[in-house]
Amino acid sequence: MSGGPDHEYHGLTQLGQPTRLPASPGEAVLERVHAPHKNLRYCVRFTAPEFTSLCPLTGQPDFAHLVIDYVPGEWIVESKSLKNYLASFRNHGAFHEACTLDIAQRLVGLLDPVWLRIGGYWYPRGGMPIDVFWQSGSPPEGVWIPAQEVQPYRGRG
């Protein structure tokens, strides 16, 4: 990255350079930067329509459409590090609930956002989709937070 040691983005280890995907979520490094416009409240959305992980018992792949919304406090997540973190689940065995909530808790711990919610829209395993939702509390007043609008799995019908 350009800029000296006082540069706002000094210390980021992934942005602007080649990185390898982490082997596991525990190995993944999530990075943050100061939020712009700290005097404003706004919603940030990340959508991962091709999220994958593994069933912890069978090792078979599981697929989900994740939607992460948050209202920043002092920090925002650096997006390349988030992409790498989410990709680290592709060889990680965990139930749908664990994956979804682990992601939410890791982001809350890193960012200390004003508010965060995650929707994990999981595709069927054994003929039954499992959707997992969590939020850190009531959304802050006066912030436009759009509906996630991911349709539940309906099969071919």
Protein backbone atom coordinates (compact mmCIF):
# COMPACT_ATOMS: atom_id res chain seq x y z
CA MET A 1 0.00 0.00 0.00
CA SER A 2 1.19 3.50 -0.67
CA GLY A 3 1.66 5.99 2.10
CA GLY A 4 3.90 6.19 5.11
CA PRO A 5 3.42 4.69 8.55
CA ASP A 6 0.79 7.32 9.40
CA HIS A 7 -1.25 6.49 6.32
CA GLU A 8 -4.83 5.53 7.21
CA TYR A 9 -4.47 2.02 5.78
CA HIS A 10 -1.04 1.21 7.15
CA GLY A 11 -0.94 -2.28 8.60
CA LEU A 12 -3.43 -3.96 6.25
CA THR A 13 -1.92 -7.26 5.20
CA GLN A 14 -4.20 -8.35 2.35
CA LEU A 15 -5.51 -5.39 0.38
CA GLY A 16 -3.52 -4.55 -2.74
CA GLN A 17 -1.40 -7.68 -2.75
CA PRO A 18 -1.73 -11.37 -3.59
CA THR A 19 -2.98 -13.47 -0.70
CA ARG A 20 -3.68 -17.14 -0.26
CA LEU A 21 -6.99 -18.37 1.04
CA PRO A 22 -6.84 -19.34 4.71
CA ALA A 23 -7.20 -23.05 5.42
CA SER A 24 -9.79 -22.48 8.16
CA PRO A 25 -11.86 -19.69 9.72
CA GLY A 26 -9.56 -19.72 12.75
CA GLU A 27 -6.56 -19.05 10.53
CA ALA A 28 -8.31 -16.24 8.63
CA VAL A 29 -7.30 -12.67 9.41
CA LEU A 30 -10.18 -10.21 9.40
CA GLU A 31 -9.06 -6.60 9.08
CA ARG A 32 -10.79 -3.31 9.76
CA VAL A 33 -10.37 0.33 8.87
CA HIS A 34 -11.81 3.48 10.40
CA ALA A 35 -15.34 4.18 9.25
CA PRO A 36 -15.77 7.22 7.05
CA HIS A 37 -18.32 9.82 8.12
CA LYS A 38 -18.42 8.80 11.77
CA ASN A 39 -21.04 11.47 12.35
CA LEU A 40 -23.52 9.67 10.02
CA ARG A 41 -25.46 6.45 10.58
CA TYR A 42 -25.67 4.22 7.51
CA CYS A 43 -26.09 0.55 6.67
CA VAL A 44 -23.40 -1.53 4.97
CA ARG A 45 -24.44 -4.76 3.21
CA PHE A 46 -22.31 -7.70 2.14
CA THR A 47 -23.90 -10.48 0.13
CA ALA A 48 -22.24 -13.86 -0.40
CA PRO A 49 -24.55 -15.81 -2.73
CA GLU A 50 -22.12 -18.73 -3.13
CA PHE A 51 -21.04 -19.41 0.45
CA THR A 52 -19.89 -22.99 1.06
CA SER A 53 -18.92 -25.09 4.05
CA LEU A 54 -18.89 -28.79 4.88
CA CYS A 55 -21.24 -30.95 6.89
CA PRO A 56 -19.26 -31.82 10.04
CA LEU A 57 -20.50 -35.42 9.99
CA THR A 58 -20.57 -36.45 6.32
CA GLY A 59 -18.05 -34.05 4.82
CA GLN A 60 -20.53 -33.24 2.07
CA PRO A 61 -20.64 -29.63 0.84
CA ASP A 62 -23.31 -27.24 2.08
CA PHE A 63 -24.30 -24.08 0.20
CA ALA A 64 -25.84 -20.83 1.41
CA HIS A 65 -26.69 -17.31 0.39
CA LEU A 66 -25.47 -15.05 3.19
CA VAL A 67 -26.55 -11.45 3.71
CA ILE A 68 -24.70 -9.39 6.31
CA ASP A 69 -26.00 -5.92 7.20
CA TYR A 70 -24.39 -3.65 9.76
CA VAL A 71 -24.38 -0.08 10.95
CA PRO A 72 -20.77 0.89 11.64
CA GLY A 73 -19.51 2.47 14.80
CA GLU A 74 -15.84 3.42 14.60
CA TRP A 75 -14.85 0.58 12.23
CA ILE A 76 -15.76 -1.03 8.91
CA VAL A 77 -14.53 -4.42 7.78
CA GLU A 78 -11.97 -4.46 4.99
CA SER A 79 -13.78 -6.33 2.21
CA LYS A 80 -10.93 -8.46 0.84
CA SER A 81 -10.26 -9.85 4.30
CA LEU A 82 -13.99 -10.59 4.67
CA LYS A 83 -14.03 -12.41 1.31
CA ASN A 84 -11.04 -14.50 2.36
CA TYR A 85 -12.61 -15.21 5.75
CA LEU A 86 -15.86 -16.39 4.17
CA ALA A 87 -13.95 -18.51 1.64
CA SER A 88 -12.08 -20.19 4.52
CA PHE A 89 -15.29 -22.03 5.43
CA ARG A 90 -15.23 -24.10 2.21
CA ASN A 91 -13.17 -26.83 3.91
CA HIS A 92 -14.57 -26.25 7.39
CA GLY A 93 -17.01 -28.67 8.95
CA ALA A 94 -19.81 -27.02 10.91
CA PHE A 95 -23.58 -27.05 11.06
CA HIS A 96 -25.49 -24.22 9.38
CA GLU A 97 -26.30 -22.57 12.68
CA ALA A 98 -22.66 -22.59 13.79
CA CYS A 99 -21.35 -21.13 10.52
CA THR A 100 -23.91 -18.33 10.47
CA LEU A 101 -23.56 -17.36 14.12
CA ASP A 102 -19.76 -17.73 14.17
CA ILE A 103 -19.51 -15.23 11.30
CA ALA A 104 -21.80 -12.79 13.09
CA GLN A 105 -19.93 -13.07 16.40
CA ARG A 106 -16.53 -12.67 14.75
CA LEU A 107 -17.68 -9.49 13.00
CA VAL A 108 -19.24 -8.08 16.17
CA GLY A 109 -16.02 -8.77 18.07
CA LEU A 110 -13.89 -7.09 15.40
CA LEU A 111 -16.05 -4.10 14.60
CA ASP A 112 -18.19 -3.39 17.66
CA PRO A 113 -20.89 -2.13 15.28
CA VAL A 114 -23.89 -0.08 16.30
CA TRP A 115 -26.01 -2.94 14.91
CA LEU A 116 -25.47 -6.12 12.88
CA ARG A 117 -27.71 -8.79 11.41
CA ILE A 118 -27.00 -11.85 9.33
CA GLY A 119 -29.30 -14.00 7.25
CA GLY A 120 -28.04 -17.44 6.31
CA TYR A 121 -30.30 -18.86 3.59
CA TRP A 122 -29.09 -22.45 3.33
CA TYR A 123 -29.96 -24.77 0.48
CA PRO A 124 -31.57 -28.11 1.34
CA ARG A 125 -29.69 -30.89 3.03
CA GLY A 126 -31.71 -34.08 3.22
CA GLY A 127 -34.60 -32.33 1.50
CA MET A 128 -34.96 -29.56 4.13
CA PRO A 129 -33.56 -26.04 3.87
CA ILE A 130 -32.36 -24.49 7.11
CA ASP A 131 -32.34 -20.70 7.32
CA VAL A 132 -30.55 -19.01 10.22
CA PHE A 133 -31.08 -15.40 11.30
CA TRP A 134 -29.48 -13.31 14.04
CA GLN A 135 -29.20 -9.65 14.91
CA SER A 136 -27.45 -7.80 17.69
CA GLY A 137 -30.55 -5.93 18.87
CA SER A 138 -33.06 -3.47 17.51
CA PRO A 139 -31.98 -1.55 14.42
CA PRO A 140 -31.02 2.05 15.16
CA GLU A 141 -33.73 4.60 14.53
CA GLY A 142 -33.42 6.70 11.41
CA VAL A 143 -31.21 4.31 9.42
CA TRP A 144 -32.56 2.88 6.20
CA ILE A 145 -32.12 -0.88 6.45
CA PRO A 146 -33.54 -2.63 3.41
CA ALA A 147 -35.23 -6.02 3.60
CA GLN A 148 -32.94 -8.90 2.74
CA GLU A 149 -35.45 -10.19 0.17
CA VAL A 150 -33.75 -13.54 -0.34
CA GLN A 151 -36.53 -15.94 -1.19
CA PRO A 152 -36.70 -19.10 0.90
CA TYR A 153 -35.91 -22.26 -1.04
CA ARG A 154 -38.97 -23.53 -2.85
CA GLY A 155 -37.57 -26.38 -4.88
CA ARG A 156 -38.97 -26.80 -8.33
CA GLY A 157 -42.56 -25.96 -7.35
